[in-house]
Amino acid sequence: MNLHAMKLVTIVCESYAREPVTQLLRIVGANGWTLFPVEGEGSHGKRFADIQESANIQIEVIVPPEVSAQLLEKLSDELFAPYAMIAFESEVRVLRPGKF
């Protein structure tokens, strides 16, 4: 089995950031992503997924390391200030690198 090193970037943000984040994913060259509603508690208090005004979403995308670096830099520079958001990357290994 031949596994290939990639990065999993996880973005948790307010639902209002959906369009800017997914647009940025397209710009940096992500081939696809997964998005789902999430809820939790953090420095801004509790956020419930079923209330649009305070809902959070989580977006996960697997990309090559250079795309991850570009994505995280652009998120920090362009979207952290106007939106409640966190982002982090994890090391992953995939079987079909051409899909990402």
N, C-alpha and C. Protein backbone atom coordinates (compact mmCIF):
# COMPACT_ATOMS: atom_id res chain seq x y z
N MET A 1 0.86 -1.17 0.00
CA MET A 1 0.00 0.00 0.00
C MET A 1 0.90 1.24 0.00
N ASN A 2 0.63 2.17 -0.89
CA ASN A 2 1.45 3.36 -1.04
C ASN A 2 0.66 4.58 -0.56
N LEU A 3 1.05 5.12 0.60
CA LEU A 3 0.36 6.29 1.17
C LEU A 3 1.16 7.56 0.88
N HIS A 4 0.44 8.68 0.72
CA HIS A 4 1.05 9.95 0.35
C HIS A 4 0.73 10.99 1.42
N ALA A 5 1.74 11.74 1.84
CA ALA A 5 1.57 12.76 2.89
C ALA A 5 0.79 13.96 2.36
N MET A 6 -0.21 14.35 3.10
CA MET A 6 -1.03 15.52 2.80
C MET A 6 -1.35 16.22 4.11
N LYS A 7 -2.07 17.32 4.03
CA LYS A 7 -2.51 18.06 5.22
C LYS A 7 -4.04 18.10 5.24
N LEU A 8 -4.57 17.88 6.42
CA LEU A 8 -6.00 18.07 6.66
C LEU A 8 -6.14 19.42 7.36
N VAL A 9 -6.80 20.36 6.71
CA VAL A 9 -7.05 21.67 7.32
C VAL A 9 -8.49 21.66 7.82
N THR A 10 -8.65 21.99 9.08
CA THR A 10 -9.96 22.06 9.72
C THR A 10 -10.24 23.51 10.07
N ILE A 11 -11.39 24.00 9.63
CA ILE A 11 -11.80 25.38 9.89
C ILE A 11 -13.14 25.33 10.62
N VAL A 12 -13.20 25.94 11.79
CA VAL A 12 -14.46 26.06 12.52
C VAL A 12 -14.76 27.55 12.58
N CYS A 13 -15.95 27.91 12.08
CA CYS A 13 -16.27 29.33 11.98
C CYS A 13 -17.77 29.55 12.08
N GLU A 14 -18.13 30.80 12.23
CA GLU A 14 -19.55 31.13 12.23
C GLU A 14 -20.11 30.86 10.84
N SER A 15 -21.37 30.50 10.77
CA SER A 15 -21.97 30.11 9.49
C SER A 15 -21.95 31.24 8.47
N TYR A 16 -21.91 32.48 8.92
CA TYR A 16 -21.86 33.62 7.99
C TYR A 16 -20.56 33.64 7.18
N ALA A 17 -19.55 32.92 7.61
CA ALA A 17 -18.28 32.89 6.89
C ALA A 17 -18.24 31.81 5.80
N ARG A 18 -19.32 31.09 5.63
CA ARG A 18 -19.34 29.97 4.67
C ARG A 18 -18.89 30.38 3.28
N GLU A 19 -19.51 31.39 2.71
CA GLU A 19 -19.17 31.80 1.34
C GLU A 19 -17.74 32.30 1.21
N PRO A 20 -17.28 33.22 2.09
CA PRO A 20 -15.89 33.65 1.96
C PRO A 20 -14.88 32.51 2.11
N VAL A 21 -15.15 31.57 3.00
CA VAL A 21 -14.22 30.47 3.20
C VAL A 21 -14.23 29.54 1.99
N THR A 22 -15.39 29.16 1.51
CA THR A 22 -15.44 28.25 0.36
C THR A 22 -14.89 28.92 -0.90
N GLN A 23 -15.09 30.21 -1.04
CA GLN A 23 -14.50 30.94 -2.16
C GLN A 23 -12.97 30.90 -2.06
N LEU A 24 -12.44 31.09 -0.86
CA LEU A 24 -10.99 31.04 -0.65
C LEU A 24 -10.46 29.64 -0.96
N LEU A 25 -11.20 28.61 -0.58
CA LEU A 25 -10.78 27.24 -0.90
C LEU A 25 -10.63 27.05 -2.41
N ARG A 26 -11.58 27.60 -3.17
CA ARG A 26 -11.48 27.51 -4.63
C ARG A 26 -10.26 28.27 -5.14
N ILE A 27 -10.01 29.45 -4.59
CA ILE A 27 -8.89 30.29 -5.03
C ILE A 27 -7.55 29.60 -4.82
N VAL A 28 -7.37 28.95 -3.67
CA VAL A 28 -6.08 28.29 -3.39
C VAL A 28 -5.94 26.95 -4.09
N GLY A 29 -7.01 26.46 -4.70
CA GLY A 29 -6.92 25.24 -5.49
C GLY A 29 -7.38 23.97 -4.83
N ALA A 30 -8.17 24.07 -3.77
CA ALA A 30 -8.72 22.86 -3.15
C ALA A 30 -9.70 22.21 -4.12
N ASN A 31 -9.63 20.90 -4.24
CA ASN A 31 -10.50 20.18 -5.17
C ASN A 31 -11.85 19.81 -4.57
N GLY A 32 -12.00 19.97 -3.29
CA GLY A 32 -13.26 19.64 -2.63
C GLY A 32 -13.09 19.77 -1.14
N TRP A 33 -14.19 19.75 -0.42
CA TRP A 33 -14.15 19.87 1.03
C TRP A 33 -15.43 19.29 1.60
N THR A 34 -15.43 19.11 2.90
CA THR A 34 -16.62 18.63 3.61
C THR A 34 -17.03 19.70 4.60
N LEU A 35 -18.31 19.98 4.67
CA LEU A 35 -18.84 21.02 5.54
C LEU A 35 -20.02 20.45 6.32
N PHE A 36 -20.04 20.73 7.63
CA PHE A 36 -21.17 20.28 8.43
C PHE A 36 -21.40 21.23 9.59
N PRO A 37 -22.64 21.30 10.09
CA PRO A 37 -22.94 22.15 11.25
C PRO A 37 -22.34 21.54 12.51
N VAL A 38 -21.84 22.40 13.39
CA VAL A 38 -21.28 21.95 14.66
C VAL A 38 -21.73 22.88 15.77
N GLU A 39 -21.63 22.42 16.97
CA GLU A 39 -21.89 23.29 18.11
C GLU A 39 -20.84 23.02 19.16
N GLY A 40 -20.67 23.99 20.03
CA GLY A 40 -19.66 23.84 21.06
C GLY A 40 -19.62 25.06 21.96
N GLU A 41 -18.59 25.12 22.77
CA GLU A 41 -18.42 26.21 23.70
C GLU A 41 -16.96 26.64 23.68
N GLY A 42 -16.74 27.93 23.68
CA GLY A 42 -15.38 28.46 23.65
C GLY A 42 -15.33 29.85 24.25
N SER A 43 -14.37 30.64 23.82
CA SER A 43 -14.15 31.97 24.39
C SER A 43 -15.33 32.92 24.14
N HIS A 44 -16.14 32.64 23.14
CA HIS A 44 -17.31 33.47 22.85
C HIS A 44 -18.59 32.87 23.42
N GLY A 45 -18.47 31.89 24.28
CA GLY A 45 -19.63 31.25 24.88
C GLY A 45 -20.10 30.06 24.06
N LYS A 46 -21.33 29.63 24.31
CA LYS A 46 -21.90 28.48 23.61
C LYS A 46 -22.43 28.91 22.25
N ARG A 47 -22.28 28.01 21.29
CA ARG A 47 -22.86 28.22 19.96
C ARG A 47 -23.61 26.94 19.59
N PHE A 48 -24.86 27.11 19.22
CA PHE A 48 -25.71 25.98 18.87
C PHE A 48 -25.89 25.92 17.36
N ALA A 49 -25.82 24.74 16.79
CA ALA A 49 -25.87 24.56 15.34
C ALA A 49 -27.23 24.87 14.74
N ASP A 50 -28.29 24.81 15.52
CA ASP A 50 -29.63 24.96 14.96
C ASP A 50 -30.15 26.40 15.00
N ILE A 51 -29.37 27.35 15.46
CA ILE A 51 -29.79 28.75 15.49
C ILE A 51 -28.88 29.51 14.53
N GLN A 52 -29.41 29.91 13.37
CA GLN A 52 -28.61 30.51 12.31
C GLN A 52 -27.77 31.69 12.79
N GLU A 53 -28.32 32.54 13.64
CA GLU A 53 -27.61 33.73 14.07
C GLU A 53 -26.36 33.42 14.89
N SER A 54 -26.31 32.25 15.50
CA SER A 54 -25.14 31.91 16.30
C SER A 54 -24.54 30.56 15.92
N ALA A 55 -24.91 30.04 14.77
CA ALA A 55 -24.47 28.70 14.36
C ALA A 55 -23.00 28.70 13.94
N ASN A 56 -22.36 27.58 14.13
CA ASN A 56 -21.00 27.33 13.66
C ASN A 56 -21.04 26.24 12.60
N ILE A 57 -20.06 26.29 11.72
CA ILE A 57 -19.86 25.22 10.76
C ILE A 57 -18.41 24.76 10.88
N GLN A 58 -18.18 23.54 10.44
CA GLN A 58 -16.82 23.02 10.36
C GLN A 58 -16.57 22.60 8.93
N ILE A 59 -15.45 23.04 8.40
CA ILE A 59 -15.07 22.70 7.03
C ILE A 59 -13.75 21.96 7.11
N GLU A 60 -13.69 20.81 6.45
CA GLU A 60 -12.46 20.03 6.40
C GLU A 60 -12.03 19.86 4.95
N VAL A 61 -10.75 20.03 4.72
CA VAL A 61 -10.22 19.92 3.36
C VAL A 61 -8.84 19.26 3.44
N ILE A 62 -8.60 18.33 2.53
CA ILE A 62 -7.29 17.69 2.44
C ILE A 62 -6.58 18.28 1.22
N VAL A 63 -5.36 18.77 1.46
CA VAL A 63 -4.61 19.45 0.41
C VAL A 63 -3.11 19.13 0.56
N PRO A 64 -2.35 19.39 -0.50
CA PRO A 64 -0.89 19.27 -0.37
C PRO A 64 -0.35 20.31 0.63
N PRO A 65 0.82 20.05 1.20
CA PRO A 65 1.37 20.97 2.22
C PRO A 65 1.48 22.42 1.76
N GLU A 66 1.88 22.67 0.52
CA GLU A 66 2.02 24.04 0.05
C GLU A 66 0.67 24.76 -0.05
N VAL A 67 -0.37 24.03 -0.38
CA VAL A 67 -1.71 24.63 -0.42
C VAL A 67 -2.20 24.92 0.99
N SER A 68 -1.92 24.03 1.92
CA SER A 68 -2.29 24.25 3.32
C SER A 68 -1.65 25.53 3.85
N ALA A 69 -0.37 25.71 3.58
CA ALA A 69 0.34 26.91 4.05
C ALA A 69 -0.29 28.17 3.48
N GLN A 70 -0.60 28.15 2.20
CA GLN A 70 -1.22 29.30 1.55
C GLN A 70 -2.62 29.56 2.12
N LEU A 71 -3.39 28.50 2.30
CA LEU A 71 -4.74 28.63 2.84
C LEU A 71 -4.72 29.22 4.25
N LEU A 72 -3.89 28.68 5.12
CA LEU A 72 -3.83 29.16 6.50
C LEU A 72 -3.38 30.61 6.56
N GLU A 73 -2.44 30.99 5.71
CA GLU A 73 -1.98 32.38 5.69
C GLU A 73 -3.10 33.31 5.24
N LYS A 74 -3.82 32.94 4.20
CA LYS A 74 -4.92 33.78 3.69
C LYS A 74 -6.06 33.85 4.70
N LEU A 75 -6.37 32.74 5.35
CA LEU A 75 -7.40 32.77 6.39
C LEU A 75 -7.03 33.77 7.47
N SER A 76 -5.78 33.69 7.93
CA SER A 76 -5.31 34.58 8.99
C SER A 76 -5.32 36.04 8.54
N ASP A 77 -4.84 36.30 7.36
CA ASP A 77 -4.73 37.68 6.86
C ASP A 77 -6.08 38.30 6.49
N GLU A 78 -6.99 37.49 5.94
CA GLU A 78 -8.19 38.04 5.33
C GLU A 78 -9.50 37.77 6.09
N LEU A 79 -9.57 36.66 6.81
CA LEU A 79 -10.89 36.27 7.36
C LEU A 79 -10.96 36.19 8.87
N PHE A 80 -9.82 36.10 9.56
CA PHE A 80 -9.89 36.01 11.01
C PHE A 80 -10.48 37.26 11.64
N ALA A 81 -10.15 38.43 11.14
CA ALA A 81 -10.64 39.67 11.74
C ALA A 81 -12.16 39.84 11.61
N PRO A 82 -12.75 39.63 10.43
CA PRO A 82 -14.19 39.88 10.33
C PRO A 82 -15.10 38.75 10.82
N TYR A 83 -14.55 37.55 11.04
CA TYR A 83 -15.39 36.41 11.42
C TYR A 83 -14.82 35.70 12.65
N ALA A 84 -15.71 35.10 13.45
CA ALA A 84 -15.29 34.21 14.53
C ALA A 84 -14.82 32.92 13.86
N MET A 85 -13.54 32.57 14.07
CA MET A 85 -12.99 31.46 13.30
C MET A 85 -11.72 30.93 13.95
N ILE A 86 -11.53 29.62 13.87
CA ILE A 86 -10.25 29.00 14.18
C ILE A 86 -9.91 28.07 13.02
N ALA A 87 -8.63 27.77 12.88
CA ALA A 87 -8.19 26.85 11.83
C ALA A 87 -6.94 26.14 12.32
N PHE A 88 -6.80 24.90 11.91
CA PHE A 88 -5.61 24.14 12.26
C PHE A 88 -5.38 23.07 11.21
N GLU A 89 -4.14 22.59 11.16
CA GLU A 89 -3.82 21.52 10.20
C GLU A 89 -3.32 20.29 10.93
N SER A 90 -3.54 19.16 10.29
CA SER A 90 -3.08 17.87 10.81
C SER A 90 -2.40 17.12 9.67
N GLU A 91 -1.46 16.27 10.05
CA GLU A 91 -0.81 15.41 9.07
C GLU A 91 -1.74 14.24 8.75
N VAL A 92 -1.92 13.96 7.49
CA VAL A 92 -2.68 12.79 7.06
C VAL A 92 -1.94 12.12 5.92
N ARG A 93 -2.27 10.86 5.67
CA ARG A 93 -1.70 10.14 4.54
C ARG A 93 -2.87 9.55 3.75
N VAL A 94 -2.84 9.72 2.45
CA VAL A 94 -3.96 9.32 1.61
C VAL A 94 -3.52 8.28 0.57
N LEU A 95 -4.47 7.51 0.12
CA LEU A 95 -4.22 6.49 -0.89
C LEU A 95 -4.27 7.04 -2.32
N ARG A 96 -5.10 8.02 -2.55
CA ARG A 96 -5.31 8.53 -3.91
C ARG A 96 -4.96 10.02 -3.96
N PRO A 97 -3.69 10.39 -4.04
CA PRO A 97 -3.30 11.79 -3.97
C PRO A 97 -3.88 12.65 -5.11
N GLY A 98 -4.17 12.04 -6.22
CA GLY A 98 -4.75 12.79 -7.35
C GLY A 98 -6.13 13.34 -7.06
N LYS A 99 -6.81 12.82 -6.07
CA LYS A 99 -8.14 13.31 -5.69
C LYS A 99 -8.05 14.64 -4.94
N PHE A 100 -6.86 14.99 -4.45
CA PHE A 100 -6.70 16.16 -3.62
C PHE A 100 -5.82 17.18 -4.28
